[in-house]
Amino acid sequence: MDSKKLWESVLVDVEINVSKASFNTWFKDTFIYKLEDGVAYLSVPNAFVKQWMVDKYHGSILKSLRALSENIRSLDYIVNKSDVKREDQKIIKNIPESAGELPLSEFYINKDDNLNPKYTFDSFVIGPFNELAHAAAQAIIKKPGIVYNPLFIYGNTGHGKTHLIQAVGNYMKQNYPDSKIHYVTSEKFTVDYVNSVQNHKVNNFKEKYRKYDVLIMDDIQFFSNKQNTQEELFHLFNHLYENNKQIIFSSDKHPNYIQNLEDRLKSRFAAGMIVDIPAPDHESRTAILKAKLRFHNHVLSLEIIDYLAQTLSSNIRELEGALNTIICQARLKQKELTLNDVKNLIKNSASPKRNLSPKEIIKIIADFYNINEENIYEKTRKKEIIKPRQITMYILREDFNISYPSIGEKMGGRDHTTVIHSCEKIKNDLKFDSVLSQEINRIRAMLI
């Protein structure tokens, strides 16, 4: 494989694991200039990008390179400001020696367990939106195979599912060194199974997956319509479960809503605990931003943090990607960015929202709950009206940043304290009510 094709293959791996904004910011204008004596020399546009690569992506890039070419031992950088022919004067030698040597323990993803060492409980930011899922994960690591088995975590992309389930694996790996732990995507599991059938090695496949004490399987919505793979998963599940082995699944939706998933699998999933990680609320998005800023040792004004938390409401990856872009620009320009600078910088990063009026939002929610729009404005204590009304107030506040007094005025002249109470009630209920979480996620999808 020549250097161009090699780097293209590495970029495919990278793009899957980073946000679009981060990928475009850091990997634009990069290429492998040469391969020499087991060293890959990566050309980067400037010294700042080089340093960011060393700090954030060196390990994952090197891991991908090694997986694609056994001859590559280490990775160095060439800062390509103008004339790449002068590379011998520009090869960076200030990378810590340990970063280029085997084993790359800080970054290396062990092929036996597939766990990414960066996904830990220490780096997992807990908020109202994910604290129930986090509590379930904490219960598992105290009594693996006994409490919440299986654990099924679902939610839209970018909500932190993979981080949390891999954090369980990394904790178990560190604290139960004799345990056999394995993380696998459902796609990889399917490919392994199909290959074993084609190569007449199904027994080897069964032995491989039945030996684990902790099996973590990501994105199982991929099993939709794959009857043979579902059959194999069913038997694997039974074997692990009967032997008190911990099983953890993740999906982008509740198992009952995965099309063409066998009922017997849904029944097995329901035997443990099914928990939702909804979109992070404003408070959680703010906490995540502050945690990421501490990690990067960078400071932003509270005004900018609040703007980002309000504007980038889709998922955590979107937040992280936008923040990386802002930090990059601030360091490149060597100045503190203003709020207007930030607005211009991320104007294409935010997920587009329909320009809906409060009345239109109320109509959509009323239709969702099959009630008349006028009912929401009524001063009634009927349960079938109270819930949609409180959800409407919550969404107007959390998703559209409308003030409490203004919401009260638009909702039939209610006092702002009533609105605050309604928003807090929904926020608290979301911690324990997975059905409510799912309903609100479906409503949000209708508002986009």
Protein backbone atom coordinates (compact mmCIF):
# COMPACT_ATOMS: atom_id res chain seq x y z
CA MET A 1 0.00 0.00 0.00
CA ASP A 2 1.48 3.36 -1.03
CA SER A 3 1.56 6.32 1.34
CA LYS A 4 -1.45 8.06 -0.26
CA LYS A 5 -3.75 5.05 0.03
CA LEU A 6 -2.41 4.33 3.51
CA TRP A 7 -3.31 7.81 4.74
CA GLU A 8 -6.71 7.67 3.08
CA SER A 9 -7.41 4.45 4.98
CA VAL A 10 -6.29 6.05 8.24
CA LEU A 11 -8.59 9.03 7.62
CA VAL A 12 -11.53 6.67 7.19
CA ASP A 13 -10.84 5.31 10.71
CA VAL A 14 -10.38 8.79 12.14
CA GLU A 15 -13.54 10.25 10.60
CA ILE A 16 -15.69 7.58 12.25
CA ASN A 17 -14.42 8.47 15.73
CA VAL A 18 -14.33 12.29 15.71
CA SER A 19 -16.88 14.98 15.01
CA LYS A 20 -17.14 16.46 11.53
CA ALA A 21 -15.94 19.84 12.81
CA SER A 22 -12.85 18.31 14.47
CA PHE A 23 -12.06 16.24 11.40
CA ASN A 24 -12.25 19.26 9.08
CA THR A 25 -10.26 21.44 11.48
CA TRP A 26 -7.34 19.14 12.26
CA PHE A 27 -6.96 16.74 9.34
CA LYS A 28 -7.37 19.13 6.44
CA ASP A 29 -4.16 19.47 4.36
CA THR A 30 -2.46 16.52 6.07
CA PHE A 31 -0.76 13.68 4.24
CA ILE A 32 2.03 11.15 4.66
CA TYR A 33 5.09 12.70 3.07
CA LYS A 34 7.25 9.60 3.26
CA LEU A 35 7.70 6.18 4.87
CA GLU A 36 11.26 5.49 5.89
CA ASP A 37 12.89 2.90 8.18
CA GLY A 38 9.60 2.05 9.87
CA VAL A 39 8.73 5.72 10.47
CA ALA A 40 5.72 7.45 8.92
CA TYR A 41 6.33 11.19 8.43
CA LEU A 42 3.06 13.09 8.53
CA SER A 43 2.94 16.51 6.91
CA VAL A 44 0.81 19.07 8.81
CA PRO A 45 0.13 22.71 7.85
CA ASN A 46 1.58 24.43 10.94
CA ALA A 47 3.19 23.93 14.35
CA PHE A 48 -0.05 24.43 16.25
CA VAL A 49 -1.79 21.63 14.34
CA LYS A 50 1.27 19.48 14.92
CA GLN A 51 1.09 20.01 18.67
CA TRP A 52 -2.63 19.27 18.72
CA MET A 53 -2.00 16.07 16.76
CA VAL A 54 0.64 15.03 19.29
CA ASP A 55 -1.61 15.79 22.26
CA LYS A 56 -4.93 14.43 20.99
CA TYR A 57 -4.57 12.11 18.02
CA HIS A 58 -1.03 10.71 18.00
CA GLY A 59 -1.99 7.41 19.61
CA SER A 60 -5.07 6.74 17.48
CA ILE A 61 -3.24 7.64 14.26
CA LEU A 62 -0.33 5.37 15.12
CA LYS A 63 -2.70 2.55 16.06
CA SER A 64 -4.43 2.80 12.68
CA LEU A 65 -1.14 2.93 10.84
CA ARG A 66 0.12 -0.17 12.62
CA ALA A 67 -3.11 -2.03 11.90
CA LEU A 68 -2.71 -1.26 8.20
CA SER A 69 1.03 -1.79 7.94
CA GLU A 70 3.07 -4.02 10.22
CA ASN A 71 6.28 -2.28 9.12
CA ILE A 72 5.41 1.03 10.79
CA ARG A 73 6.98 1.44 14.23
CA SER A 74 6.56 5.14 14.95
CA LEU A 75 5.17 8.45 13.73
CA ASP A 76 6.89 11.81 13.26
CA TYR A 77 5.67 15.14 11.95
CA ILE A 78 6.77 17.60 9.29
CA VAL A 79 5.50 21.16 9.57
CA ASN A 80 4.72 22.11 5.99
CA LYS A 81 4.45 25.87 5.94
CA SER A 82 5.65 26.42 2.41
CA ASP A 83 8.22 24.07 0.93
CA VAL A 84 7.83 20.42 1.89
CA LYS A 85 11.17 19.62 0.25
CA ARG A 86 12.89 21.10 3.27
CA GLU A 87 11.42 18.42 5.49
CA ASP A 88 14.73 17.33 6.95
CA GLN A 89 14.98 20.70 8.71
CA LYS A 90 11.42 20.53 10.01
CA ILE A 91 10.90 17.02 11.38
CA ILE A 92 9.62 17.46 14.89
CA LYS A 93 11.71 15.69 17.52
CA ASN A 94 10.07 16.95 20.71
CA ILE A 95 7.43 14.22 20.91
CA PRO A 96 7.93 12.29 24.17
CA GLU A 97 9.86 9.14 23.36
CA SER A 98 7.23 7.00 25.03
CA ALA A 99 4.63 8.19 22.51
CA GLY A 100 6.43 6.55 19.62
CA GLU A 101 7.46 3.28 21.20
CA LEU A 102 5.71 -0.01 21.75
CA PRO A 103 3.63 -0.60 23.74
CA LEU A 104 1.59 2.53 23.39
CA SER A 105 -0.20 1.87 26.67
CA GLU A 106 -1.82 5.27 27.04
CA PHE A 107 -3.53 5.15 23.66
CA TYR A 108 -3.33 1.58 22.39
CA ILE A 109 -6.62 -0.24 21.96
CA ASN A 110 -5.96 -3.88 22.82
CA LYS A 111 -7.22 -6.11 20.04
CA ASP A 112 -8.39 -8.70 22.56
CA ASP A 113 -10.89 -6.42 24.28
CA ASN A 114 -11.28 -3.50 21.79
CA LEU A 115 -11.64 -1.02 24.66
CA ASN A 116 -10.64 2.59 24.11
CA PRO A 117 -8.67 3.68 27.21
CA LYS A 118 -9.95 7.27 26.96
CA TYR A 119 -13.48 6.15 27.87
CA THR A 120 -13.44 6.10 31.66
CA PHE A 121 -15.81 7.06 34.46
CA ASP A 122 -13.41 9.88 35.42
CA SER A 123 -13.90 11.58 32.05
CA PHE A 124 -17.66 10.94 31.94
CA VAL A 125 -19.63 14.09 32.75
CA ILE A 126 -22.75 13.30 34.79
CA GLY A 127 -25.89 15.40 34.42
CA PRO A 128 -29.64 15.07 34.94
CA PHE A 129 -29.99 13.56 31.47
CA ASN A 130 -27.67 10.59 32.06
CA GLU A 131 -27.47 10.06 35.81
CA LEU A 132 -29.84 7.09 35.79
CA ALA A 133 -27.75 5.30 33.15
CA HIS A 134 -24.60 6.18 35.09
CA ALA A 135 -26.09 4.83 38.32
CA ALA A 136 -26.97 1.56 36.57
CA ALA A 137 -23.41 1.27 35.27
CA GLN A 138 -22.06 1.88 38.78
CA ALA A 139 -24.29 -0.87 40.15
CA ILE A 140 -22.98 -3.30 37.55
CA ILE A 141 -19.32 -2.83 38.42
CA LYS A 142 -20.07 -3.67 42.06
CA LYS A 143 -21.93 -6.92 41.26
CA PRO A 144 -21.20 -7.89 37.66
CA GLY A 145 -23.46 -10.55 36.23
CA ILE A 146 -25.96 -10.25 39.07
CA VAL A 147 -27.38 -6.71 39.11
CA TYR A 148 -29.02 -5.35 35.93
CA ASN A 149 -28.08 -8.20 33.63
CA PRO A 150 -28.37 -7.42 30.84
CA LEU A 151 -28.02 -3.64 30.87
CA PHE A 152 -29.52 -2.05 27.77
CA ILE A 153 -28.72 1.63 27.13
CA TYR A 154 -30.37 3.48 24.26
CA GLY A 155 -30.40 7.02 22.91
CA ASN A 156 -29.59 9.05 19.82
CA THR A 157 -26.06 9.31 18.48
CA GLY A 158 -23.70 11.56 20.39
CA HIS A 159 -25.39 11.19 23.78
CA GLY A 160 -22.50 9.29 25.40
CA LYS A 161 -23.66 5.67 25.17
CA THR A 162 -20.37 4.28 23.87
CA HIS A 163 -18.39 6.24 26.45
CA LEU A 164 -20.45 4.85 29.32
CA ILE A 165 -20.52 1.20 28.27
CA GLN A 166 -16.79 1.23 27.53
CA ALA A 167 -16.16 2.91 30.89
CA VAL A 168 -17.69 -0.18 32.50
CA GLY A 169 -15.32 -2.36 30.50
CA ASN A 170 -12.25 -0.29 31.37
CA TYR A 171 -13.17 -0.30 35.06
CA MET A 172 -13.63 -4.07 35.05
CA LYS A 173 -10.38 -4.51 33.16
CA GLN A 174 -8.49 -2.52 35.78
CA ASN A 175 -10.19 -3.88 38.88
CA TYR A 176 -10.86 -7.47 37.80
CA PRO A 177 -7.66 -8.32 35.89
CA ASP A 178 -8.56 -12.01 35.60
CA SER A 179 -11.86 -11.28 33.87
CA LYS A 180 -12.16 -11.65 30.13
CA ILE A 181 -13.80 -8.49 28.74
CA HIS A 182 -14.74 -7.76 25.16
CA TYR A 183 -16.31 -4.78 23.39
CA VAL A 184 -17.72 -5.31 19.90
CA THR A 185 -20.04 -3.47 17.56
CA SER A 186 -23.01 -5.41 16.25
CA GLU A 187 -21.67 -4.94 12.73
CA LYS A 188 -18.35 -6.56 13.65
CA PHE A 189 -20.18 -9.37 15.45
CA THR A 190 -22.23 -9.98 12.30
CA VAL A 191 -19.16 -9.98 10.07
CA ASP A 192 -17.43 -12.45 12.41
CA TYR A 193 -20.44 -14.73 12.31
CA VAL A 194 -20.85 -14.60 8.51
CA ASN A 195 -17.14 -15.30 8.03
CA SER A 196 -17.29 -18.24 10.41
CA VAL A 197 -20.18 -19.74 8.43
CA GLN A 198 -18.43 -19.23 5.11
CA ASN A 199 -15.19 -20.73 6.46
CA HIS A 200 -16.94 -23.59 8.28
CA LYS A 201 -15.65 -22.34 11.64
CA VAL A 202 -18.87 -21.67 13.49
CA ASN A 203 -17.66 -23.63 16.51
CA ASN A 204 -14.62 -21.36 16.73
CA PHE A 205 -16.94 -18.36 16.63
CA LYS A 206 -19.06 -19.80 19.45
CA GLU A 207 -16.01 -20.58 21.59
CA LYS A 208 -14.60 -17.08 21.07
CA TYR A 209 -17.68 -15.23 22.28
CA ARG A 210 -18.73 -17.64 25.01
CA LYS A 211 -15.45 -17.32 26.89
CA TYR A 212 -16.05 -13.72 27.99
CA ASP A 213 -17.00 -12.66 31.52
CA VAL A 214 -18.19 -9.26 30.28
CA LEU A 215 -19.55 -8.82 26.75
CA ILE A 216 -20.32 -5.26 25.60
CA MET A 217 -22.17 -4.95 22.30
CA ASP A 218 -22.73 -1.55 20.67
CA ASP A 219 -25.39 -0.39 18.18
CA ILE A 220 -27.52 -3.52 18.08
CA GLN A 221 -30.12 -1.82 15.87
CA PHE A 222 -27.84 -3.16 13.14
CA PHE A 223 -29.34 -6.63 13.78
CA SER A 224 -32.64 -5.55 12.24
CA ASN A 225 -33.61 -8.09 9.52
CA LYS A 226 -30.55 -10.27 10.22
CA GLN A 227 -32.37 -13.40 11.35
CA ASN A 228 -29.42 -15.80 11.40
CA THR A 229 -27.27 -13.42 13.42
CA GLN A 230 -30.16 -12.85 15.84
CA GLU A 231 -30.45 -16.61 16.24
CA GLU A 232 -26.77 -16.85 17.15
CA LEU A 233 -27.03 -13.87 19.52
CA PHE A 234 -29.99 -15.52 21.26
CA HIS A 235 -28.00 -18.67 22.02
CA LEU A 236 -24.93 -16.68 23.03
CA PHE A 237 -27.06 -14.55 25.36
CA ASN A 238 -28.53 -17.62 27.04
CA HIS A 239 -25.11 -19.16 27.60
CA LEU A 240 -23.62 -16.00 29.13
CA TYR A 241 -26.70 -15.21 31.20
CA GLU A 242 -26.99 -18.70 32.66
CA ASN A 243 -23.35 -18.49 33.73
CA ASN A 244 -23.77 -15.06 35.40
CA LYS A 245 -21.66 -13.27 32.81
CA GLN A 246 -22.37 -9.57 32.46
CA ILE A 247 -23.96 -8.48 29.18
CA ILE A 248 -24.28 -4.85 28.08
CA PHE A 249 -26.02 -3.60 24.96
CA SER A 250 -26.50 -0.20 23.37
CA SER A 251 -28.81 0.98 20.61
CA ASP A 252 -30.10 4.19 19.09
CA LYS A 253 -33.65 3.23 20.13
CA HIS A 254 -35.60 1.18 22.64
CA PRO A 255 -35.52 -2.53 21.68
CA ASN A 256 -39.31 -2.52 21.22
CA TYR A 257 -38.84 -0.02 18.39
CA ILE A 258 -36.09 -1.90 16.53
CA GLN A 259 -37.81 -3.22 13.44
CA ASN A 260 -37.78 -6.97 12.81
CA LEU A 261 -36.04 -7.77 16.08
CA GLU A 262 -37.21 -11.14 17.42
CA ASP A 263 -39.62 -11.01 20.35
CA ARG A 264 -37.55 -13.52 22.30
CA LEU A 265 -34.57 -11.14 22.16
CA LYS A 266 -36.75 -8.23 23.27
CA SER A 267 -37.91 -10.40 26.17
CA ARG A 268 -34.30 -11.17 27.16
CA PHE A 269 -33.38 -7.48 27.06
CA ALA A 270 -36.35 -6.58 29.25
CA ALA A 271 -35.24 -9.09 31.90
CA GLY A 272 -32.46 -6.75 33.01
CA MET A 273 -32.61 -2.97 32.86
CA ILE A 274 -33.42 -0.75 29.90
CA VAL A 275 -32.43 2.89 30.36
CA ASP A 276 -32.49 5.88 28.06
CA ILE A 277 -29.85 8.59 27.66
CA PRO A 278 -31.82 11.50 26.18
CA ALA A 279 -30.34 14.68 24.75
CA PRO A 280 -28.40 16.64 27.38
CA ASP A 281 -30.37 19.49 28.94
CA HIS A 282 -29.01 23.04 29.06
CA GLU A 283 -27.52 22.56 32.53
CA SER A 284 -25.71 19.40 31.45
CA ARG A 285 -24.45 20.93 28.22
CA THR A 286 -22.96 23.76 30.27
CA ALA A 287 -21.26 21.29 32.63
CA ILE A 288 -19.87 19.31 29.69
CA LEU A 289 -18.43 22.45 28.10
CA LYS A 290 -16.76 23.48 31.35
CA ALA A 291 -15.28 20.00 31.80
CA LYS A 292 -13.91 20.00 28.24
CA LEU A 293 -12.44 23.47 28.76
CA ARG A 294 -10.67 22.30 31.93
CA PHE A 295 -9.29 19.34 30.01
CA HIS A 296 -7.93 21.63 27.28
CA ASN A 297 -6.71 24.18 29.85
CA HIS A 298 -8.63 26.89 28.03
CA VAL A 299 -10.91 29.67 29.30
CA LEU A 300 -14.08 31.04 27.73
CA SER A 301 -16.41 33.67 29.15
CA LEU A 302 -19.64 32.54 30.79
CA GLU A 303 -21.51 34.42 28.08
CA ILE A 304 -19.89 32.30 25.36
CA ILE A 305 -20.37 29.05 27.30
CA ASP A 306 -24.05 29.83 27.77
CA TYR A 307 -24.42 30.67 24.08
CA LEU A 308 -22.80 27.39 23.04
CA ALA A 309 -24.92 25.39 25.48
CA GLN A 310 -28.06 27.01 24.13
CA THR A 311 -27.18 26.88 20.43
CA LEU A 312 -25.60 23.43 20.18
CA SER A 313 -28.34 21.33 21.66
CA SER A 314 -28.16 18.27 19.43
CA ASN A 315 -25.50 16.06 21.03
CA ILE A 316 -22.22 15.94 22.90
CA ARG A 317 -20.07 15.31 19.82
CA GLU A 318 -21.46 18.51 18.30
CA LEU A 319 -20.45 20.41 21.44
CA GLU A 320 -16.96 18.92 21.46
CA GLY A 321 -16.37 19.54 17.78
CA ALA A 322 -17.42 23.19 18.00
CA LEU A 323 -15.30 23.69 21.11
CA ASN A 324 -12.24 22.23 19.38
CA THR A 325 -12.75 24.64 16.50
CA ILE A 326 -13.02 27.61 18.87
CA ILE A 327 -9.90 26.63 20.82
CA CYS A 328 -7.97 26.13 17.61
CA GLN A 329 -8.91 29.57 16.30
CA ALA A 330 -8.15 31.27 19.61
CA ARG A 331 -4.68 29.74 19.74
CA LEU A 332 -3.92 30.34 16.09
CA LYS A 333 -4.89 34.02 16.43
CA GLN A 334 -3.35 34.22 19.91
CA LYS A 335 -6.27 36.22 21.24
CA GLU A 336 -9.45 35.73 23.20
CA LEU A 337 -12.46 35.33 20.91
CA THR A 338 -15.51 37.54 21.32
CA LEU A 339 -19.07 36.26 21.29
CA ASN A 340 -19.47 37.54 17.71
CA ASP A 341 -16.30 35.68 16.70
CA VAL A 342 -17.74 32.47 18.15
CA LYS A 343 -21.12 33.01 16.45
CA ASN A 344 -19.44 33.38 13.07
CA LEU A 345 -17.19 30.41 13.72
CA ILE A 346 -19.92 27.91 14.57
CA LYS A 347 -22.76 29.23 12.44
CA ASN A 348 -22.61 26.11 10.28
CA SER A 349 -22.12 23.70 13.20
CA ALA A 350 -25.48 23.98 14.89
CA SER A 351 -28.16 21.57 13.81
CA PRO A 352 -30.78 23.54 11.88
CA LYS A 353 -34.13 24.09 13.57
CA ARG A 354 -37.38 25.07 12.01
CA ASN A 355 -38.34 28.65 12.70
CA LEU A 356 -41.41 27.78 14.77
CA SER A 357 -43.55 30.15 16.78
CA PRO A 358 -44.63 29.11 20.31
CA LYS A 359 -48.17 28.63 18.96
CA GLU A 360 -46.90 26.21 16.31
CA ILE A 361 -44.89 24.30 18.93
CA ILE A 362 -47.96 24.02 21.15
CA LYS A 363 -49.99 22.73 18.18
CA ILE A 364 -47.40 20.03 17.39
CA ILE A 365 -47.31 18.82 21.02
CA ALA A 366 -51.11 18.86 21.28
CA ASP A 367 -51.37 16.77 18.09
CA PHE A 368 -48.75 14.36 19.44
CA TYR A 369 -50.88 13.69 22.53
CA ASN A 370 -54.08 13.66 20.49
CA ILE A 371 -55.71 16.56 22.33
CA ASN A 372 -57.07 19.87 21.08
CA GLU A 373 -54.66 22.79 21.05
CA GLU A 374 -57.13 24.83 23.13
CA ASN A 375 -56.98 22.22 25.92
CA ILE A 376 -53.37 23.12 26.73
CA TYR A 377 -54.37 26.70 27.57
CA GLU A 378 -57.20 25.61 29.87
CA LYS A 379 -56.86 25.86 33.63
CA THR A 380 -57.74 22.26 34.33
CA ARG A 381 -56.24 19.55 36.53
CA LYS A 382 -57.06 16.69 34.19
CA LYS A 383 -54.05 14.37 34.00
CA GLU A 384 -54.29 13.94 30.24
CA ILE A 385 -53.94 17.74 29.86
CA ILE A 386 -51.43 18.52 32.64
CA LYS A 387 -48.67 16.33 31.20
CA PRO A 388 -48.71 17.82 27.64
CA ARG A 389 -48.92 21.31 29.14
CA GLN A 390 -45.89 20.75 31.38
CA ILE A 391 -43.93 19.18 28.52
CA THR A 392 -44.76 22.18 26.34
CA MET A 393 -43.41 24.57 28.99
CA TYR A 394 -40.29 22.42 29.38
CA ILE A 395 -39.54 22.36 25.64
CA LEU A 396 -40.22 26.07 25.19
CA ARG A 397 -37.70 26.75 27.95
CA GLU A 398 -35.02 24.12 27.25
CA ASP A 399 -35.03 24.01 23.47
CA PHE A 400 -36.09 27.53 22.53
CA ASN A 401 -34.76 29.53 25.52
CA ILE A 402 -38.00 31.44 26.05
CA SER A 403 -38.16 33.18 29.43
CA TYR A 404 -40.37 31.82 32.21
CA PRO A 405 -42.65 34.90 32.31
CA SER A 406 -43.04 34.84 28.53
CA ILE A 407 -43.95 31.15 28.57
CA GLY A 408 -46.53 31.81 31.28
CA GLU A 409 -48.05 34.58 29.21
CA LYS A 410 -48.24 32.40 26.09
CA MET A 411 -49.72 29.49 28.05
CA GLY A 412 -52.91 31.24 29.10
CA GLY A 413 -51.59 33.91 31.48
CA ARG A 414 -49.96 31.65 34.07
CA ASP A 415 -47.57 32.91 36.73
CA HIS A 416 -43.86 32.34 36.03
CA THR A 417 -43.53 30.28 39.23
CA THR A 418 -46.01 27.78 37.75
CA VAL A 419 -43.81 27.51 34.66
CA ILE A 420 -40.69 26.97 36.76
CA HIS A 421 -42.44 24.23 38.74
CA SER A 422 -43.58 22.50 35.52
CA CYS A 423 -40.10 22.61 33.97
CA GLU A 424 -38.46 21.25 37.12
CA LYS A 425 -41.03 18.48 37.39
CA ILE A 426 -40.39 17.28 33.84
CA LYS A 427 -36.64 17.55 34.37
CA ASN A 428 -36.85 15.39 37.50
CA ASP A 429 -39.25 12.89 35.93
CA LEU A 430 -36.84 12.40 33.02
CA LYS A 431 -34.31 10.91 35.45
CA PHE A 432 -36.53 7.89 36.08
CA ASP A 433 -39.16 7.73 33.34
CA SER A 434 -37.77 6.20 30.14
CA VAL A 435 -41.18 6.40 28.42
CA LEU A 436 -41.30 10.15 29.03
CA SER A 437 -37.76 10.49 27.66
CA GLN A 438 -38.73 8.66 24.53
CA GLU A 439 -41.84 10.80 24.04
CA ILE A 440 -39.85 14.02 24.38
CA ASN A 441 -37.21 12.76 21.95
CA ARG A 442 -39.93 11.99 19.41
CA ILE A 443 -41.45 15.45 19.90
CA ARG A 444 -38.04 17.06 19.42
CA ALA A 445 -37.60 15.15 16.18
CA MET A 446 -40.90 16.67 14.98
CA LEU A 447 -39.66 20.16 15.83
CA ILE A 448 -36.45 19.93 13.79
